[in-house]
Amino acid sequence: MFEFIGNFLWLAIAGAASVGGYVTMKRFVRGRLRFVDGVHRRGVPLVAGVAGWGVGLLAAVLPFVTPLTAVLFGIGIGTGVAAGRREIKRLPSP
């Protein structure tokens, strides 16, 4: 019973970290980095994802936060940056 609760809690934390990283980074790239040319470089989502993974590893000392949670957080951040870049290209020019 307690193992199920622990697994469910881990899944909820990992999902929230992944979705939260995706939504936050997509909004940040679309809103704040719209006019920054460097965000359109090819490796920016990868660099952002690795940086998010590193920050997530620092939080891995907390209970229910594992290195896999950090990986999912980094993936969410990287895909959020990529989605924000694609959305910038679709927006009309000012």
C-alpha atoms as a PDB file:
ATOM      1  CA  MET A   1       0.000   0.000   0.000  1.00  0.00           C
ATOM      2  CA  PHE A   2       2.734   2.462   0.951  1.00  0.00           C
ATOM      3  CA  GLU A   3       4.751   1.477  -2.096  1.00  0.00           C
ATOM      4  CA  PHE A   4       1.791   2.367  -4.327  1.00  0.00           C
ATOM      5  CA  ILE A   5       1.416   5.734  -2.635  1.00  0.00           C
ATOM      6  CA  GLY A   6       5.142   6.430  -3.020  1.00  0.00           C
ATOM      7  CA  ASN A   7       5.095   5.471  -6.698  1.00  0.00           C
ATOM      8  CA  PHE A   8       2.025   7.586  -7.329  1.00  0.00           C
ATOM      9  CA  LEU A   9       3.595  10.546  -5.542  1.00  0.00           C
ATOM     10  CA  TRP A  10       6.787  10.153  -7.590  1.00  0.00           C
ATOM     11  CA  LEU A  11       4.784   9.972 -10.804  1.00  0.00           C
ATOM     12  CA  ALA A  12       2.847  13.112  -9.876  1.00  0.00           C
ATOM     13  CA  ILE A  13       6.050  15.028  -9.065  1.00  0.00           C
ATOM     14  CA  ALA A  14       7.800  13.864 -12.240  1.00  0.00           C
ATOM     15  CA  GLY A  15       4.809  14.742 -14.400  1.00  0.00           C
ATOM     16  CA  ALA A  16       4.399  18.145 -12.789  1.00  0.00           C
ATOM     17  CA  ALA A  17       8.108  18.905 -13.243  1.00  0.00           C
ATOM     18  CA  SER A  18       8.064  17.857 -16.872  1.00  0.00           C
ATOM     19  CA  VAL A  19       4.860  19.672 -17.841  1.00  0.00           C
ATOM     20  CA  GLY A  20       5.746  22.695 -15.709  1.00  0.00           C
ATOM     21  CA  GLY A  21       9.175  22.987 -17.343  1.00  0.00           C
ATOM     22  CA  TYR A  22       7.639  22.696 -20.805  1.00  0.00           C
ATOM     23  CA  VAL A  23       4.914  25.291 -20.268  1.00  0.00           C
ATOM     24  CA  THR A  24       7.168  27.737 -18.446  1.00  0.00           C
ATOM     25  CA  MET A  25       9.932  27.625 -21.026  1.00  0.00           C
ATOM     26  CA  LYS A  26       7.560  27.849 -23.982  1.00  0.00           C
ATOM     27  CA  ARG A  27       5.943  30.953 -22.483  1.00  0.00           C
ATOM     28  CA  PHE A  28       9.337  32.451 -21.593  1.00  0.00           C
ATOM     29  CA  VAL A  29      10.817  31.929 -25.055  1.00  0.00           C
ATOM     30  CA  ARG A  30       7.691  33.213 -26.793  1.00  0.00           C
ATOM     31  CA  GLY A  31       7.332  36.271 -24.557  1.00  0.00           C
ATOM     32  CA  ARG A  32      10.777  37.379 -23.439  1.00  0.00           C
ATOM     33  CA  LEU A  33      13.159  35.927 -26.010  1.00  0.00           C
ATOM     34  CA  ARG A  34      11.107  36.835 -29.068  1.00  0.00           C
ATOM     35  CA  PHE A  35      13.602  39.413 -30.308  1.00  0.00           C
ATOM     36  CA  VAL A  36      16.783  37.577 -29.295  1.00  0.00           C
ATOM     37  CA  ASP A  37      18.513  36.107 -32.349  1.00  0.00           C
ATOM     38  CA  GLY A  38      20.507  33.593 -30.325  1.00  0.00           C
ATOM     39  CA  VAL A  39      17.413  31.594 -29.423  1.00  0.00           C
ATOM     40  CA  HIS A  40      17.095  30.514 -33.065  1.00  0.00           C
ATOM     41  CA  ARG A  41      20.403  28.666 -33.102  1.00  0.00           C
ATOM     42  CA  ARG A  42      20.235  24.946 -33.619  1.00  0.00           C
ATOM     43  CA  GLY A  43      21.624  23.711 -30.285  1.00  0.00           C
ATOM     44  CA  VAL A  44      19.761  26.035 -27.919  1.00  0.00           C
ATOM     45  CA  PRO A  45      17.039  23.512 -26.906  1.00  0.00           C
ATOM     46  CA  LEU A  46      19.694  20.902 -26.139  1.00  0.00           C
ATOM     47  CA  VAL A  47      21.732  23.329 -24.028  1.00  0.00           C
ATOM     48  CA  ALA A  48      18.607  24.439 -22.160  1.00  0.00           C
ATOM     49  CA  GLY A  49      17.590  20.825 -21.555  1.00  0.00           C
ATOM     50  CA  VAL A  50      21.013  19.889 -20.192  1.00  0.00           C
ATOM     51  CA  ALA A  51      20.979  22.958 -17.935  1.00  0.00           C
ATOM     52  CA  GLY A  52      17.500  21.997 -16.682  1.00  0.00           C
ATOM     53  CA  TRP A  53      18.727  18.469 -16.050  1.00  0.00           C
ATOM     54  CA  GLY A  54      21.629  19.862 -14.010  1.00  0.00           C
ATOM     55  CA  VAL A  55      19.307  22.002 -11.913  1.00  0.00           C
ATOM     56  CA  GLY A  56      17.025  19.006 -11.472  1.00  0.00           C
ATOM     57  CA  LEU A  57      19.949  16.915 -10.234  1.00  0.00           C
ATOM     58  CA  LEU A  58      20.583  19.492  -7.535  1.00  0.00           C
ATOM     59  CA  ALA A  59      17.003  18.964  -6.366  1.00  0.00           C
ATOM     60  CA  ALA A  60      17.506  15.178  -6.326  1.00  0.00           C
ATOM     61  CA  VAL A  61      18.532  15.346  -2.676  1.00  0.00           C
ATOM     62  CA  LEU A  62      14.875  15.915  -1.801  1.00  0.00           C
ATOM     63  CA  PRO A  63      12.613  12.940  -1.141  1.00  0.00           C
ATOM     64  CA  PHE A  64      10.623  11.641  -4.144  1.00  0.00           C
ATOM     65  CA  VAL A  65      12.885  13.569  -6.536  1.00  0.00           C
ATOM     66  CA  THR A  66      15.089  11.105  -8.409  1.00  0.00           C
ATOM     67  CA  PRO A  67      17.602  11.480 -11.215  1.00  0.00           C
ATOM     68  CA  LEU A  68      14.875  10.256 -13.570  1.00  0.00           C
ATOM     69  CA  THR A  69      12.737  13.191 -12.455  1.00  0.00           C
ATOM     70  CA  ALA A  70      15.656  15.466 -13.321  1.00  0.00           C
ATOM     71  CA  VAL A  71      15.882  13.882 -16.778  1.00  0.00           C
ATOM     72  CA  LEU A  72      12.160  14.381 -17.370  1.00  0.00           C
ATOM     73  CA  PHE A  73      12.479  17.990 -16.199  1.00  0.00           C
ATOM     74  CA  GLY A  74      15.344  18.568 -18.652  1.00  0.00           C
ATOM     75  CA  ILE A  75      13.350  16.988 -21.490  1.00  0.00           C
ATOM     76  CA  GLY A  76      10.394  19.230 -20.655  1.00  0.00           C
ATOM     77  CA  ILE A  77      12.575  22.315 -20.727  1.00  0.00           C
ATOM     78  CA  GLY A  78      14.273  21.376 -23.994  1.00  0.00           C
ATOM     79  CA  THR A  79      11.010  20.627 -25.770  1.00  0.00           C
ATOM     80  CA  GLY A  80       9.473  23.814 -24.363  1.00  0.00           C
ATOM     81  CA  VAL A  81      12.303  25.893 -25.810  1.00  0.00           C
ATOM     82  CA  ALA A  82      11.921  24.169 -29.181  1.00  0.00           C
ATOM     83  CA  ALA A  83       8.150  24.712 -29.178  1.00  0.00           C
ATOM     84  CA  GLY A  84       8.588  28.374 -28.234  1.00  0.00           C
ATOM     85  CA  ARG A  85      11.023  28.832 -31.120  1.00  0.00           C
ATOM     86  CA  ARG A  86       8.566  27.322 -33.581  1.00  0.00           C
ATOM     87  CA  GLU A  87       5.808  29.558 -32.247  1.00  0.00           C
ATOM     88  CA  ILE A  88       7.955  32.673 -32.660  1.00  0.00           C
ATOM     89  CA  LYS A  89       8.399  31.853 -36.349  1.00  0.00           C
ATOM     90  CA  ARG A  90       4.613  31.659 -36.791  1.00  0.00           C
ATOM     91  CA  LEU A  91       3.905  35.018 -35.125  1.00  0.00           C
ATOM     92  CA  PRO A  92       3.501  38.073 -37.364  1.00  0.00           C
ATOM     93  CA  SER A  93       6.379  40.529 -37.411  1.00  0.00           C
ATOM     94  CA  PRO A  94       5.842  43.764 -35.449  1.00  0.00           C
END
